[in-house]
Amino acid sequence: MHSRRYSESSIATRGLSVGVYTVLFFTSCLLALFLTPLLRRAAIKNGVLDYPNERKLHKEAVPRVGGIAIAISFLTTVVISYVFFRSKLHESIVYLAGLSIGAAIISLVGIWDDLWGLRARMKLVGQVVAVLAVMPFGFVIRRFSIPFVGVVEIGWELGILLTLFWIVGIVNTINFIDGIDGLAAGIVITISIALFIISVATDQLLMAIVCFILTGSALGFLRHNFHPATIFMGDCGAMFLGFMLAAISVEILFQNPSVTASSFVPVLIFGLPIVDTSWAIVRRLKRRRSPFHADIFHIHHRLINLDFTQRQTVVILYAVSLLCAMSGLIVALADSEKLAVILSASMLAMALAGIMVLNRISPSPKHQAAQSSESFRPAVERLYKKG
């Protein structure tokens, strides 16, 4: 079954040249690049702004609807790719349709949250609905490889639960790590490129196209989001990007018989956001708080409290994410179970050591207390002038 599906995907996309992939990448990138300022001006005009408070690092009110530009540029480019190349992509329309439906649902949930606010429980319901929407199109974990055990087949019931856990989990890890200018977008680009390399190496060219388009959308937005950011991606952008990465990783990693240790590779490639979120959940539960209760003890907060600038912090975490991605690539493509175990254990040890060191040397967060809304009036006025 899996070999037939992968061969169909390969046949459907093999006729596309490198030039076509490049065109699709730049199309999504340019769309995000030009749509983002338009949405920024609309957000300022309508007062859709993210105001500073005691747990946020920005000092002025910033528009928070950049994720809409990311989602629109991605979905538009997917439609363009099918309209112009449907003769080569017609066999893959099922996968593209499934991804588009799920992406649209998660984007609407995020937009609603950015504009009017959603309780954590309702947001979680929306995420689950988006995941359930893509499952009929083949995005369900049914097998994975464990070193020295082999390929493990799982039933539909367990597969559905595991897929829900994975995709919803990644959606929230990207959302949690989006706390500093340019961090989430840059990490998404790193992960997406790693998935692109694996999909090309294992002949999953349709997924390679999707990764290319997603990378372009995130990169176009990052131009406006890098410090000092003029716009934030908001929950729409973070949840959309997390959802897309998690969904396509089901096909590229879990369902791919060519990937060695497919049970380890996803955790390695998504290592930084997974470690940061896991640490946050343990920390909050120890304090008897909800795992969704926001705080100022994330890894990026800790680094800033060590007097690194925002740009320095982002570059450090980009490097960490790149190391995680490279480790995942090595394990995925090296075809060595022993290497998979050794490298995975080494990365886990490094992660635990890093958390312990940060926990010990990083001082208590020293953000200023939230100011009154009246004190933000000059910042809003400056935004209007800039817009």
Protein backbone atom coordinates (compact mmCIF):
# COMPACT_ATOMS: atom_id res chain seq x y z
CA MET A 1 0.00 0.00 0.00
CA HIS A 2 2.69 2.49 1.01
CA SER A 3 4.93 1.76 -1.95
CA ARG A 4 1.99 2.35 -4.31
CA ARG A 5 1.17 5.66 -2.69
CA TYR A 6 4.76 6.88 -2.81
CA SER A 7 5.19 5.81 -6.43
CA GLU A 8 2.05 7.72 -7.39
CA SER A 9 3.36 10.82 -5.64
CA SER A 10 6.71 10.43 -7.37
CA ILE A 11 5.21 9.88 -10.84
CA ALA A 12 2.87 12.82 -10.36
CA THR A 13 5.69 15.23 -9.60
CA ARG A 14 8.77 13.83 -11.34
CA GLY A 15 8.01 15.80 -14.48
CA LEU A 16 8.39 19.10 -12.67
CA SER A 17 11.78 20.74 -13.10
CA VAL A 18 13.89 22.42 -10.44
CA GLY A 19 12.87 25.70 -12.06
CA VAL A 20 9.22 25.00 -11.26
CA TYR A 21 10.01 24.33 -7.60
CA THR A 22 11.97 27.58 -7.50
CA VAL A 23 9.10 29.52 -9.08
CA LEU A 24 6.65 28.16 -6.50
CA PHE A 25 9.05 29.03 -3.68
CA PHE A 26 9.47 32.61 -4.84
CA THR A 27 5.74 32.96 -5.53
CA SER A 28 4.85 32.12 -1.93
CA CYS A 29 7.75 34.21 -0.61
CA LEU A 30 6.81 37.32 -2.62
CA LEU A 31 3.13 36.97 -1.76
CA ALA A 32 3.94 36.89 1.97
CA LEU A 33 6.44 39.71 1.54
CA PHE A 34 3.88 42.05 -0.03
CA LEU A 35 0.74 40.91 1.81
CA THR A 36 2.24 41.37 5.27
CA PRO A 37 2.54 45.20 5.12
CA LEU A 38 -1.03 45.42 3.81
CA LEU A 39 -2.32 43.40 6.75
CA ARG A 40 -0.18 45.45 9.10
CA ARG A 41 -1.83 48.67 7.97
CA ALA A 42 -5.28 47.09 8.22
CA ALA A 43 -4.53 45.86 11.75
CA ILE A 44 -3.36 49.30 12.86
CA LYS A 45 -6.43 50.93 11.35
CA ASN A 46 -8.74 48.53 13.17
CA GLY A 47 -6.80 48.37 16.43
CA VAL A 48 -5.83 44.69 16.20
CA LEU A 49 -2.67 45.15 18.22
CA ASP A 50 -0.58 43.17 20.68
CA TYR A 51 0.08 45.44 23.67
CA PRO A 52 3.12 45.08 25.95
CA ASN A 53 2.70 43.56 29.39
CA GLU A 54 4.83 41.98 32.10
CA ARG A 55 5.52 38.79 30.14
CA LYS A 56 6.16 40.30 26.71
CA LEU A 57 9.41 41.69 25.39
CA HIS A 58 8.19 44.37 22.98
CA LYS A 59 7.83 47.92 24.22
CA GLU A 60 5.25 49.19 21.74
CA ALA A 61 1.91 47.91 20.47
CA VAL A 62 2.47 45.68 17.42
CA PRO A 63 -0.09 44.30 14.91
CA ARG A 64 -0.66 40.57 15.43
CA VAL A 65 -2.26 39.37 12.19
CA GLY A 66 0.82 38.42 10.15
CA GLY A 67 -0.20 34.78 10.16
CA ILE A 68 -3.01 35.62 7.74
CA ALA A 69 -0.40 36.64 5.15
CA ILE A 70 1.48 33.36 5.68
CA ALA A 71 -1.67 31.25 5.26
CA ILE A 72 -2.94 33.19 2.22
CA SER A 73 0.42 33.06 0.45
CA PHE A 74 0.72 29.31 1.07
CA LEU A 75 -2.83 28.39 0.03
CA THR A 76 -2.72 30.70 -3.01
CA THR A 77 0.55 29.18 -4.21
CA VAL A 78 -0.84 25.66 -3.73
CA VAL A 79 -3.81 26.59 -5.93
CA ILE A 80 -1.50 28.17 -8.51
CA SER A 81 0.70 25.07 -8.57
CA TYR A 82 -2.30 22.85 -9.28
CA VAL A 83 -3.89 25.17 -11.88
CA PHE A 84 -0.71 25.46 -13.93
CA PHE A 85 0.65 21.94 -13.40
CA ARG A 86 -2.49 19.87 -12.89
CA SER A 87 -1.52 17.48 -15.68
CA LYS A 88 1.42 16.40 -13.52
CA LEU A 89 -0.23 16.84 -10.13
CA HIS A 90 -3.69 15.38 -10.81
CA GLU A 91 -2.88 12.12 -9.02
CA SER A 92 -1.83 14.11 -5.94
CA ILE A 93 -4.90 16.33 -5.68
CA VAL A 94 -6.22 14.23 -2.77
CA TYR A 95 -3.23 15.10 -0.59
CA LEU A 96 -3.25 18.77 -1.61
CA ALA A 97 -6.98 19.01 -0.94
CA GLY A 98 -6.63 17.42 2.48
CA LEU A 99 -3.80 19.73 3.50
CA SER A 100 -5.68 22.78 2.22
CA ILE A 101 -8.86 21.89 4.15
CA GLY A 102 -6.96 21.32 7.39
CA ALA A 103 -4.91 24.48 6.85
CA ALA A 104 -8.05 26.54 6.25
CA ILE A 105 -9.68 25.25 9.46
CA ILE A 106 -6.65 25.87 11.66
CA SER A 107 -6.20 29.33 10.10
CA LEU A 108 -9.80 30.29 10.86
CA VAL A 109 -9.38 29.15 14.47
CA GLY A 110 -6.23 31.25 14.75
CA ILE A 111 -7.81 34.30 13.12
CA TRP A 112 -10.75 34.11 15.50
CA ASP A 113 -8.37 33.93 18.45
CA ASP A 114 -6.27 36.87 17.18
CA LEU A 115 -9.30 39.08 16.55
CA TRP A 116 -11.68 38.20 19.36
CA GLY A 117 -9.91 35.74 21.63
CA LEU A 118 -10.59 32.08 22.35
CA ARG A 119 -10.36 30.08 25.55
CA ALA A 120 -7.65 27.42 25.57
CA ARG A 121 -10.28 24.68 25.59
CA MET A 122 -12.04 26.02 22.48
CA LYS A 123 -8.72 26.51 20.74
CA LEU A 124 -7.87 22.88 21.45
CA VAL A 125 -11.23 21.78 20.03
CA GLY A 126 -10.49 23.71 16.84
CA GLN A 127 -7.07 22.06 16.55
CA VAL A 128 -8.59 18.60 16.96
CA VAL A 129 -11.21 19.36 14.28
CA ALA A 130 -8.45 20.44 11.86
CA VAL A 131 -6.54 17.20 12.47
CA LEU A 132 -9.65 15.05 12.04
CA ALA A 133 -10.32 16.87 8.75
CA VAL A 134 -7.01 15.75 7.18
CA MET A 135 -7.15 12.14 8.36
CA PRO A 136 -9.52 10.89 5.60
CA PHE A 137 -6.95 12.12 3.06
CA GLY A 138 -4.26 9.74 4.29
CA PHE A 139 -2.56 11.76 7.01
CA VAL A 140 -2.73 9.10 9.71
CA ILE A 141 0.23 7.45 11.42
CA ARG A 142 -0.10 3.73 10.73
CA ARG A 143 3.49 2.55 11.06
CA PHE A 144 6.91 3.68 12.22
CA SER A 145 10.37 2.20 12.64
CA ILE A 146 12.02 1.52 15.98
CA PRO A 147 15.77 0.73 16.05
CA PHE A 148 16.52 -2.97 16.68
CA VAL A 149 12.78 -3.71 16.64
CA GLY A 150 11.84 -2.93 13.05
CA VAL A 151 8.67 -1.54 11.51
CA VAL A 152 5.76 -1.46 13.93
CA GLU A 153 2.25 -1.58 12.46
CA ILE A 154 -0.50 -0.03 14.56
CA GLY A 155 -4.26 -0.19 14.24
CA TRP A 156 -6.55 2.61 13.13
CA GLU A 157 -7.68 3.47 16.65
CA LEU A 158 -4.16 3.86 18.02
CA GLY A 159 -3.07 5.51 14.78
CA ILE A 160 -5.76 8.17 15.09
CA LEU A 161 -4.86 8.87 18.72
CA LEU A 162 -1.14 9.05 17.93
CA THR A 163 -1.77 11.38 14.97
CA LEU A 164 -3.93 13.65 17.13
CA PHE A 165 -1.26 13.73 19.83
CA TRP A 166 1.53 14.48 17.35
CA ILE A 167 -0.13 17.18 15.25
CA VAL A 168 -1.91 18.96 18.12
CA GLY A 169 1.30 18.75 20.14
CA ILE A 170 3.44 20.32 17.41
CA VAL A 171 0.84 23.03 16.78
CA ASN A 172 1.18 24.08 20.40
CA THR A 173 4.98 23.77 20.56
CA ILE A 174 5.31 26.28 17.71
CA ASN A 175 2.70 28.49 19.36
CA PHE A 176 4.53 28.36 22.72
CA ILE A 177 7.93 29.20 21.24
CA ASP A 178 6.58 32.23 19.37
CA GLY A 179 7.62 34.67 22.08
CA ILE A 180 10.41 36.71 20.51
CA ASP A 181 10.84 38.50 17.18
CA GLY A 182 11.59 36.12 14.32
CA LEU A 183 12.09 33.00 16.45
CA ALA A 184 9.12 30.86 15.41
CA ALA A 185 9.36 31.75 11.72
CA GLY A 186 13.09 30.99 11.61
CA ILE A 187 12.71 27.65 13.39
CA VAL A 188 9.87 26.71 11.04
CA ILE A 189 12.14 27.46 8.06
CA THR A 190 14.89 25.25 9.52
CA ILE A 191 12.49 22.34 10.12
CA SER A 192 10.81 22.76 6.74
CA ILE A 193 14.14 22.66 4.91
CA ALA A 194 15.09 19.47 6.78
CA LEU A 195 11.77 17.89 5.78
CA PHE A 196 12.35 19.06 2.20
CA ILE A 197 15.75 17.34 2.05
CA ILE A 198 14.34 14.07 3.39
CA SER A 199 11.36 14.18 1.01
CA VAL A 200 13.65 14.69 -1.99
CA ALA A 201 16.09 12.00 -0.82
CA THR A 202 13.25 9.49 -0.41
CA ASP A 203 11.45 10.47 -3.64
CA GLN A 204 8.43 12.12 -1.98
CA LEU A 205 8.44 15.00 -4.42
CA LEU A 206 4.90 16.19 -3.75
CA MET A 207 5.79 16.75 -0.11
CA ALA A 208 8.97 18.48 -1.29
CA ILE A 209 6.84 20.99 -3.19
CA VAL A 210 4.70 21.62 -0.12
CA CYS A 211 7.83 22.15 2.03
CA PHE A 212 9.23 24.58 -0.56
CA ILE A 213 6.02 26.60 -0.62
CA LEU A 214 5.79 26.64 3.17
CA THR A 215 9.42 27.75 3.49
CA GLY A 216 8.81 30.59 1.04
CA SER A 217 5.74 31.81 2.95
CA ALA A 218 7.60 31.81 6.28
CA LEU A 219 10.66 33.51 4.78
CA GLY A 220 8.62 36.30 3.16
CA PHE A 221 6.95 36.99 6.50
CA LEU A 222 10.25 36.81 8.42
CA ARG A 223 11.46 39.91 6.55
CA HIS A 224 8.89 41.93 8.57
CA ASN A 225 9.07 39.86 11.75
CA PHE A 226 12.82 39.87 12.46
CA HIS A 227 13.84 42.18 15.30
CA PRO A 228 12.65 44.86 15.55
CA ALA A 229 9.41 43.26 14.34
CA THR A 230 6.79 45.47 12.72
CA ILE A 231 4.19 42.69 12.89
CA PHE A 232 3.63 39.42 14.76
CA MET A 233 2.29 36.20 13.26
CA GLY A 234 -0.23 35.76 16.07
CA ASP A 235 -1.95 32.46 16.86
CA CYS A 236 -3.09 32.17 13.24
CA GLY A 237 0.47 32.04 11.96
CA ALA A 238 1.92 29.90 14.74
CA MET A 239 -0.87 27.32 14.62
CA PHE A 240 -0.94 27.27 10.82
CA LEU A 241 2.81 26.71 10.54
CA GLY A 242 2.83 24.11 13.31
CA PHE A 243 -0.10 22.28 11.74
CA MET A 244 1.47 22.18 8.29
CA LEU A 245 4.84 20.96 9.57
CA ALA A 246 3.23 18.26 11.70
CA ALA A 247 0.85 17.08 8.96
CA ILE A 248 3.47 16.79 6.24
CA SER A 249 5.89 15.12 8.68
CA VAL A 250 3.34 12.31 9.04
CA GLU A 251 3.88 11.53 5.36
CA ILE A 252 7.58 12.39 5.12
CA LEU A 253 8.75 10.72 8.34
CA PHE A 254 6.28 8.39 10.06
CA GLN A 255 4.75 6.82 6.94
CA ASN A 256 7.99 6.66 4.96
CA PRO A 257 9.48 3.16 4.77
CA SER A 258 12.75 4.67 3.53
CA VAL A 259 13.39 6.59 6.75
CA THR A 260 15.54 4.79 9.30
CA ALA A 261 14.33 5.10 12.92
CA SER A 262 11.21 7.05 11.98
CA SER A 263 10.18 6.98 15.64
CA PHE A 264 13.27 9.04 16.56
CA VAL A 265 13.68 11.38 13.59
CA PRO A 266 10.59 13.60 14.15
CA VAL A 267 11.57 14.21 17.78
CA LEU A 268 15.10 15.17 16.71
CA ILE A 269 14.07 17.51 13.90
CA PHE A 270 11.45 19.24 16.06
CA GLY A 271 13.80 19.04 19.05
CA LEU A 272 13.97 22.67 20.15
CA PRO A 273 10.24 23.44 20.30
CA ILE A 274 9.54 20.02 21.84
CA VAL A 275 12.13 20.52 24.60
CA ASP A 276 10.97 24.06 25.31
CA THR A 277 7.31 23.01 25.53
CA SER A 278 8.04 19.89 27.60
CA TRP A 279 10.04 21.98 30.04
CA ALA A 280 7.20 24.52 30.22
CA ILE A 281 4.58 21.83 30.91
CA VAL A 282 6.64 20.19 33.68
CA ARG A 283 7.41 23.59 35.17
CA ARG A 284 3.78 24.68 35.20
CA LEU A 285 2.47 21.40 36.58
CA LYS A 286 5.02 21.56 39.41
CA ARG A 287 3.58 24.97 40.26
CA ARG A 288 0.07 23.53 40.02
CA ARG A 289 -0.82 25.66 37.05
CA SER A 290 -2.42 24.81 33.73
CA PRO A 291 0.03 23.70 31.02
CA PHE A 292 -1.49 26.47 28.88
CA HIS A 293 -0.81 29.15 31.50
CA ALA A 294 1.64 31.61 29.89
CA ASP A 295 4.82 32.52 31.76
CA ILE A 296 8.21 34.14 31.20
CA PHE A 297 10.49 31.17 31.81
CA HIS A 298 10.89 29.86 28.24
CA ILE A 299 14.37 29.23 26.86
CA HIS A 300 14.39 32.55 24.97
CA HIS A 301 13.42 34.41 28.15
CA ARG A 302 16.25 32.71 30.03
CA LEU A 303 18.82 33.74 27.42
CA ILE A 304 17.62 37.34 27.40
CA ASN A 305 17.89 37.38 31.19
CA LEU A 306 21.57 36.49 30.67
CA ASP A 307 21.85 39.85 28.87
CA PHE A 308 21.78 38.51 25.33
CA THR A 309 19.98 40.83 22.93
CA GLN A 310 16.89 39.64 21.07
CA ARG A 311 18.90 39.20 17.88
CA GLN A 312 21.66 37.29 19.67
CA THR A 313 19.07 35.07 21.36
CA VAL A 314 17.36 34.32 18.06
CA VAL A 315 20.66 33.49 16.34
CA ILE A 316 21.64 31.16 19.20
CA LEU A 317 18.32 29.33 19.01
CA TYR A 318 18.49 29.19 15.19
CA ALA A 319 21.84 27.41 15.63
CA VAL A 320 20.33 24.98 18.16
CA SER A 321 17.41 24.27 15.84
CA LEU A 322 19.83 23.72 12.96
CA LEU A 323 21.80 21.24 15.08
CA CYS A 324 18.58 19.36 15.87
CA ALA A 325 17.58 19.32 12.20
CA MET A 326 21.00 18.06 11.11
CA SER A 327 20.88 15.30 13.72
CA GLY A 328 17.48 14.23 12.42
CA LEU A 329 18.76 14.26 8.84
CA ILE A 330 21.75 12.10 9.73
CA VAL A 331 19.58 9.54 11.53
CA ALA A 332 16.97 9.54 8.74
CA LEU A 333 19.39 9.03 5.89
CA ALA A 334 22.35 7.17 7.40
CA ASP A 335 20.55 3.80 7.52
CA SER A 336 22.24 2.85 10.80
CA GLU A 337 20.18 1.83 13.81
CA LYS A 338 23.18 2.02 16.12
CA LEU A 339 23.94 5.58 14.99
CA ALA A 340 20.27 6.49 15.50
CA VAL A 341 20.34 5.35 19.13
CA ILE A 342 23.72 6.93 19.93
CA LEU A 343 22.90 10.28 18.32
CA SER A 344 19.42 10.43 19.84
CA ALA A 345 20.77 9.63 23.30
CA SER A 346 23.48 12.27 22.88
CA MET A 347 20.97 14.94 21.86
CA LEU A 348 18.71 14.06 24.79
CA ALA A 349 21.65 14.32 27.21
CA MET A 350 22.63 17.68 25.73
CA ALA A 351 19.04 18.94 26.05
CA LEU A 352 18.80 17.91 29.72
CA ALA A 353 22.20 19.40 30.48
CA GLY A 354 21.26 22.63 28.73
CA ILE A 355 18.03 22.95 30.71
CA MET A 356 19.82 22.30 33.99
CA VAL A 357 22.50 24.89 33.22
CA LEU A 358 19.97 27.51 32.13
CA ASN A 359 17.87 26.81 35.21
CA ARG A 360 20.88 27.38 37.43
CA ILE A 361 22.60 30.39 35.83
CA SER A 362 19.67 32.37 34.45
CA PRO A 363 18.41 34.98 36.92
CA SER A 364 14.77 35.58 37.64
CA PRO A 365 12.98 37.30 34.76
CA LYS A 366 13.23 41.06 35.11
CA HIS A 367 10.55 42.38 32.80
CA GLN A 368 8.80 45.52 33.81
CA ALA A 369 5.26 45.35 35.06
CA ALA A 370 2.50 46.02 32.59
CA GLN A 371 1.74 49.66 32.12
CA SER A 372 -1.70 51.15 31.89
CA SER A 373 -3.42 51.22 28.53
CA GLU A 374 -3.21 55.02 28.59
CA SER A 375 0.58 54.82 28.50
CA PHE A 376 0.41 52.99 25.18
CA ARG A 377 -1.36 55.85 23.39
CA PRO A 378 1.90 57.41 22.06
CA ALA A 379 3.01 54.02 20.73
CA VAL A 380 -0.30 53.52 18.92
CA GLU A 381 -0.05 57.01 17.45
CA ARG A 382 3.43 56.22 16.16
CA LEU A 383 2.10 53.03 14.58
CA TYR A 384 -0.58 55.00 12.77
CA LYS A 385 2.08 57.33 11.38
CA LYS A 386 4.24 54.41 10.28
CA GLY A 387 1.28 52.62 8.74
